[in-house]
Every structure is written in structure tokens, then in C-alpha cells.
Amino acid sequence: MIHLFFSPHLDDVALSAGGLIHKLVLENQKVVVLTFFTGYDENLTSHYLHSAGNDNMNSFIKFYSKRVNEDIAFCNKLSAIPIHGKILDCIYRTDQYSEPMYTNSAMIYSGLIHKSDYASDMAQDLIDKTLLNYQPDYIYAPLGIGQHVDHIIINNLVNNIRGSHKFKILLYEDFPYVLGEYPIVNPDSLENALLRNNKFDKHAILVDINLKEKMQNILFYESQLEPLFGNKSNILISLEKYHHSINKEKIQERFWLIN
């Protein structure tokens, strides 16, 4: 079996489905991680560094160049195949006047895609090529909790591939956004995301996972830990809170199978 994970950014799959990936690798199944938005432009960094009201955007930008190597280390450890799309992250995409499309956190987490944003077409091309090359049996994509525009773009594209192939599609719950506490500017919820995905008939699939292994996988993304969680101890607290909300008796990840 071939399992293809769609990851908007270079940590989303580890955060949201790191337990399942570890389980699949133990079962000698093939895992491919397609990460779309891995490009950055150092020339645009100053715009966010001097803008107010951007939450932890400065911290995210400061270490952006390290993220690819973190992802490669994560995939190497799990014998997964990493594919980096090299599309510019939304914080670096500009319009026809070379002005940033998303100038603050409120816009980034609005779920509203800029009318001049070309990323959807580029992401669709990546999907088409990857499906042709790997012919997966299962595809995993973000539910879009948090309404980060990059997550919404990939979530929207799921509808384009649904029904045209024989693979099964499951939506994962975007962590840590699923906690309902992040982003600060526009906290979202699982319930709202499920309502937004009402174009799909879906039902929950629960997978038993090893929390310690998931934690170790997340730690590969060192550059993102401080802006997301503040410190390492908070990661475990957040993970336990989330997984206990699914099942208090055992640790599970939840996915939504599209029918």
C-alpha cells in the first residue's frame, strides 16, 4: 500500500498525523509526504518584522531556511519519501504590484484566498504529477481547521481529485489549531471545519498511536516549537489535551474518511 500525505507546510503532517505515519512504517507500508509551501523569500522578511499584530510571525520567519532540513530528517527517520513543492509560503507571495498578498495574521487565518493568488494552480500541478508518479492507495489532506489560507487551498483541491481515482481520501485534524486556542487572532474549531467541509459525506476513523513516538517526530521541527508551543513541555500538554478529547482510555488520532 502507498500512503500519500498532503502537507501544506513542513511540519503539518508530523503535528497532525505523526502517529499514523509511525504506525504505517512499522507495517512496512510506503509513505510519501508531499509538502506544498516550502519556498521563502528573504527580501520580504522585513515587512513582517516591522508589522504590528502578527502574533508569532517573526519567530516563524526567523528560522524558515532551517525547515527543509528538519523535514528531511523527519522523513529519513521514518523511511518516508519527502517531496518539497517549493511554492512560496503565503507570507512571501506577492501580487502583480509586488506587494504582499497577506500582510498580517488576520488575513493569513481568514480562510480567504487573495484574488491574485496563483498557489492553487501550482499546487494542483504538483498533485497531478505526484498521483501519476506514485499512484497511491490512500491520500491524507488537511481538514482546514484554523483557516490558514495555505491549508484551505489544499483542502479545496481535494474536491478536484475526489471520484476521479480509485484511492481513498481521509482528512486529518489540523493540530494545534484543533485545540480551539490557536491562532490567537481567529481561533477555529473542529465543528466549524466539519461544517465547512459539508460537501463531503464523511465518517470518523480512529487509529491507535504511540504518543511518545509522535512527540519525538514533532521534535524534529525544532524551529517551529517556540512559536507554536512556547516550550517542549507545552507540546506534551497540548497533545495530551487533544488526544484525551478523542478518547480518554487510549491514545488515538482521528481522520475523516470521505465517501
Protein backbone atom coordinates (compact mmCIF):
# COMPACT_ATOMS: atom_id res chain seq x y z
CA MET A 1 0.00 0.00 0.00
CA ILE A 2 1.14 3.53 -0.78
CA HIS A 3 0.04 6.34 1.55
CA LEU A 4 0.35 9.92 0.26
CA PHE A 5 0.15 12.75 2.78
CA PHE A 6 -0.60 16.31 1.66
CA SER A 7 1.18 18.73 3.99
CA PRO A 8 0.70 22.48 3.47
CA HIS A 9 3.88 23.28 5.42
CA LEU A 10 6.97 21.50 6.64
CA ASP A 11 5.53 20.31 9.96
CA ASP A 12 1.79 19.89 9.45
CA VAL A 13 1.80 16.14 8.80
CA ALA A 14 4.07 15.38 11.77
CA LEU A 15 1.85 17.50 14.02
CA SER A 16 -1.45 16.09 12.80
CA ALA A 17 -0.67 12.55 11.65
CA GLY A 18 2.77 11.71 13.01
CA GLY A 19 1.37 8.80 14.99
CA LEU A 20 -0.25 7.18 11.97
CA ILE A 21 2.89 7.59 9.87
CA HIS A 22 4.95 5.84 12.54
CA LYS A 23 2.39 3.01 12.60
CA LEU A 24 2.40 2.65 8.80
CA VAL A 25 6.20 2.50 8.66
CA LEU A 26 6.21 -0.28 11.29
CA GLU A 27 3.85 -2.19 9.00
CA ASN A 28 6.33 -1.75 6.09
CA GLN A 29 3.88 0.38 4.13
CA LYS A 30 5.18 3.09 1.78
CA VAL A 31 4.71 6.67 2.93
CA VAL A 32 5.12 9.75 0.71
CA VAL A 33 4.90 13.25 2.19
CA LEU A 34 4.13 15.98 -0.35
CA THR A 35 4.73 19.39 1.23
CA PHE A 36 3.49 22.24 -0.94
CA PHE A 37 4.57 25.57 0.55
CA THR A 38 8.29 25.22 1.19
CA GLY A 39 9.57 28.34 -0.59
CA TYR A 40 10.60 31.59 1.05
CA ASP A 41 11.92 35.00 0.03
CA GLU A 42 14.35 36.67 2.43
CA ASN A 43 13.67 40.03 0.80
CA LEU A 44 10.13 40.05 2.19
CA THR A 45 11.10 39.25 5.76
CA SER A 46 11.42 42.89 6.78
CA HIS A 47 7.75 43.57 6.01
CA TYR A 48 6.61 41.26 8.79
CA LEU A 49 9.38 42.06 11.20
CA HIS A 50 8.20 45.66 11.33
CA SER A 51 4.45 44.99 11.29
CA ALA A 52 2.34 45.03 14.43
CA GLY A 53 -0.32 42.48 15.27
CA ASN A 54 1.32 39.48 13.65
CA ASP A 55 1.32 37.06 16.59
CA ASN A 56 4.46 34.93 16.37
CA MET A 57 5.10 35.62 12.68
CA ASN A 58 8.58 36.96 13.41
CA SER A 59 9.57 33.68 15.05
CA PHE A 60 8.23 31.65 12.14
CA ILE A 61 10.20 33.72 9.63
CA LYS A 62 13.46 33.86 11.55
CA PHE A 63 14.25 30.17 11.08
CA TYR A 64 12.45 29.47 7.80
CA SER A 65 15.59 28.33 5.99
CA LYS A 66 16.06 25.51 8.52
CA ARG A 67 12.69 23.93 7.94
CA VAL A 68 13.55 21.86 4.85
CA ASN A 69 16.40 20.10 6.65
CA GLU A 70 14.14 19.41 9.63
CA ASP A 71 11.60 17.79 7.34
CA ILE A 72 14.23 15.68 5.59
CA ALA A 73 15.48 14.44 8.98
CA PHE A 74 11.90 13.55 9.99
CA CYS A 75 11.29 11.63 6.75
CA ASN A 76 14.66 9.87 6.91
CA LYS A 77 13.94 8.64 10.42
CA LEU A 78 10.64 7.16 9.28
CA SER A 79 11.83 5.96 5.86
CA ALA A 80 9.22 8.24 4.24
CA ILE A 81 9.73 9.90 0.86
CA PRO A 82 9.76 13.73 1.11
CA ILE A 83 8.61 15.84 -1.84
CA HIS A 84 9.07 19.61 -1.46
CA GLY A 85 6.81 21.63 -3.72
CA LYS A 86 8.85 24.86 -3.47
CA ILE A 87 5.75 27.03 -3.76
CA LEU A 88 6.18 30.24 -1.77
CA ASP A 89 4.58 30.21 1.67
CA CYS A 90 1.66 32.67 1.76
CA ILE A 91 3.69 35.13 3.84
CA TYR A 92 6.03 35.51 0.84
CA ARG A 93 3.55 35.58 -2.04
CA THR A 94 3.07 38.95 -3.74
CA ASP A 95 0.55 40.41 -6.17
CA GLN A 96 1.16 41.94 -9.60
CA TYR A 97 2.43 45.11 -7.90
CA SER A 98 4.98 43.15 -5.84
CA GLU A 99 3.01 43.86 -2.68
CA PRO A 100 2.46 41.08 -0.13
CA MET A 101 -0.91 39.38 -0.59
CA TYR A 102 -1.28 38.54 3.10
CA THR A 103 0.02 41.40 5.20
CA ASN A 104 -0.97 40.29 8.70
CA SER A 105 -2.06 37.30 10.75
CA ALA A 106 -5.74 38.18 10.46
CA MET A 107 -5.53 37.84 6.67
CA ILE A 108 -3.46 34.65 6.83
CA TYR A 109 -6.01 32.96 9.10
CA SER A 110 -9.11 34.37 7.43
CA GLY A 111 -9.61 31.43 5.08
CA LEU A 112 -9.98 33.99 2.28
CA ILE A 113 -7.69 33.37 -0.69
CA HIS A 114 -6.39 36.51 -2.39
CA LYS A 115 -7.94 37.02 -5.84
CA SER A 116 -4.46 37.15 -7.42
CA ASP A 117 -3.10 34.12 -5.57
CA TYR A 118 -1.59 31.67 -8.06
CA ALA A 119 -0.80 28.98 -5.48
CA SER A 120 -3.85 26.81 -6.16
CA ASP A 121 -2.85 26.19 -9.78
CA MET A 122 0.72 25.37 -8.79
CA ALA A 123 -0.47 23.02 -6.06
CA GLN A 124 -2.84 21.27 -8.48
CA ASP A 125 0.04 20.67 -10.89
CA LEU A 126 2.07 19.13 -8.06
CA ILE A 127 -0.82 16.87 -7.11
CA ASP A 128 -1.31 15.70 -10.69
CA LYS A 129 2.39 14.84 -11.11
CA THR A 130 2.61 13.07 -7.75
CA LEU A 131 -0.50 10.98 -8.37
CA LEU A 132 0.91 9.92 -11.72
CA ASN A 133 4.30 9.03 -10.25
CA TYR A 134 3.16 7.15 -7.14
CA GLN A 135 -0.45 6.04 -7.77
CA PRO A 136 -1.31 5.97 -4.05
CA ASP A 137 -3.91 3.80 -2.38
CA TYR A 138 -4.64 6.39 0.33
CA ILE A 139 -4.43 10.19 0.39
CA TYR A 140 -4.47 12.29 3.57
CA ALA A 141 -5.22 16.02 3.41
CA PRO A 142 -5.95 18.81 5.92
CA LEU A 143 -9.46 19.42 7.20
CA GLY A 144 -8.59 23.11 7.23
CA ILE A 145 -9.03 23.82 10.95
CA GLY A 146 -7.56 27.25 11.72
CA GLN A 147 -8.42 28.61 8.25
CA HIS A 148 -4.79 29.26 7.36
CA VAL A 149 -5.04 30.15 3.67
CA ASP A 150 -2.41 27.56 2.69
CA HIS A 151 -4.38 24.82 4.48
CA ILE A 152 -7.61 26.00 2.86
CA ILE A 153 -6.03 25.91 -0.61
CA ILE A 154 -5.02 22.27 -0.20
CA ASN A 155 -8.34 21.35 1.39
CA ASN A 156 -10.18 22.92 -1.57
CA LEU A 157 -8.16 20.90 -4.07
CA VAL A 158 -9.31 17.61 -2.52
CA ASN A 159 -12.61 18.08 -4.33
CA ASN A 160 -10.78 18.16 -7.69
CA ILE A 161 -9.29 14.70 -7.25
CA ARG A 162 -12.21 13.06 -5.48
CA GLY A 163 -14.01 10.46 -7.56
CA SER A 164 -11.52 10.51 -10.42
CA HIS A 165 -9.29 7.80 -8.98
CA LYS A 166 -9.61 4.56 -7.02
CA PHE A 167 -7.76 5.74 -3.88
CA LYS A 168 -9.41 6.55 -0.58
CA ILE A 169 -9.20 10.10 0.84
CA LEU A 170 -9.03 10.93 4.54
CA LEU A 171 -8.94 14.39 6.09
CA TYR A 172 -6.75 14.92 9.14
CA GLU A 173 -7.44 17.31 12.02
CA ASP A 174 -5.00 20.21 11.80
CA PHE A 175 -3.02 20.32 15.06
CA PRO A 176 -2.59 22.56 17.07
CA TYR A 177 -5.45 24.55 15.50
CA VAL A 178 -7.90 21.81 16.51
CA LEU A 179 -7.38 22.80 20.17
CA GLY A 180 -9.51 25.90 19.56
CA GLU A 181 -6.85 28.14 21.09
CA TYR A 182 -4.71 28.96 18.07
CA PRO A 183 -4.32 31.17 16.13
CA ILE A 184 -4.96 33.90 18.68
CA VAL A 185 -6.33 36.26 16.03
CA ASN A 186 -9.03 33.87 14.82
CA PRO A 187 -9.34 30.62 16.81
CA ASP A 188 -11.26 27.92 14.97
CA SER A 189 -12.84 24.61 15.96
CA LEU A 190 -13.24 21.08 14.65
CA GLU A 191 -17.01 21.58 14.49
CA ASN A 192 -16.69 24.67 12.27
CA ALA A 193 -14.24 22.91 9.96
CA LEU A 194 -16.56 19.91 9.60
CA LEU A 195 -19.39 22.27 8.66
CA ARG A 196 -17.19 23.95 6.04
CA ASN A 197 -16.44 20.51 4.60
CA ASN A 198 -20.13 19.67 4.22
CA LYS A 199 -19.61 18.99 0.50
CA PHE A 200 -18.20 15.63 1.60
CA ASP A 201 -20.04 12.70 3.14
CA LYS A 202 -17.57 11.51 5.76
CA HIS A 203 -17.18 9.43 8.88
CA ALA A 204 -14.55 9.27 11.59
CA ILE A 205 -11.75 6.70 11.54
CA LEU A 206 -9.83 6.22 14.81
CA VAL A 207 -6.25 4.94 14.81
CA ASP A 208 -4.36 3.80 17.92
CA ILE A 209 -0.97 5.52 18.09
CA ASN A 210 2.15 5.74 20.25
CA LEU A 211 2.16 9.22 21.83
CA LYS A 212 5.86 9.05 22.69
CA GLU A 213 6.76 8.35 19.08
CA LYS A 214 4.51 11.16 17.85
CA MET A 215 6.17 13.54 20.29
CA GLN A 216 9.62 12.50 19.02
CA ASN A 217 8.52 13.12 15.45
CA ILE A 218 7.31 16.63 16.26
CA LEU A 219 10.61 17.45 17.96
CA PHE A 220 12.37 17.18 14.59
CA TYR A 221 10.81 20.55 13.74
CA GLU A 222 12.79 22.47 16.32
CA SER A 223 12.45 25.84 14.59
CA GLN A 224 8.65 25.74 14.99
CA LEU A 225 8.38 24.62 18.60
CA GLU A 226 8.79 28.00 20.29
CA PRO A 227 6.34 29.98 18.11
CA LEU A 228 3.75 27.19 18.28
CA PHE A 229 4.08 25.97 21.87
CA GLY A 230 6.47 28.22 23.78
CA ASN A 231 8.49 25.28 25.12
CA LYS A 232 8.81 21.49 24.82
CA SER A 233 6.77 20.69 27.92
CA ASN A 234 3.80 22.53 26.42
CA ILE A 235 3.89 20.23 23.39
CA LEU A 236 3.09 17.19 25.52
CA ILE A 237 0.42 19.10 27.44
CA SER A 238 -1.24 20.17 24.17
CA LEU A 239 -1.00 16.68 22.66
CA GLU A 240 -2.49 15.03 25.74
CA LYS A 241 -5.33 17.56 25.86
CA TYR A 242 -6.14 16.90 22.21
CA HIS A 243 -5.91 13.12 22.32
CA HIS A 244 -7.91 12.91 25.54
CA SER A 245 -10.67 14.83 23.77
CA ILE A 246 -10.83 11.97 21.26
CA ASN A 247 -10.59 9.07 23.72
CA LYS A 248 -9.80 9.16 27.43
CA GLU A 249 -8.92 5.46 27.56
CA LYS A 250 -6.26 5.23 24.83
CA ILE A 251 -4.26 7.49 22.54
CA GLN A 252 -5.72 7.82 19.06
CA GLU A 253 -5.58 10.05 16.00
CA ARG A 254 -8.84 10.77 14.20
CA PHE A 255 -9.29 11.01 10.45
CA TRP A 256 -12.38 11.70 8.39
CA LEU A 257 -12.88 9.25 5.52
CA ILE A 258 -14.60 10.81 2.52
CA ASN A 259 -17.27 8.58 0.99
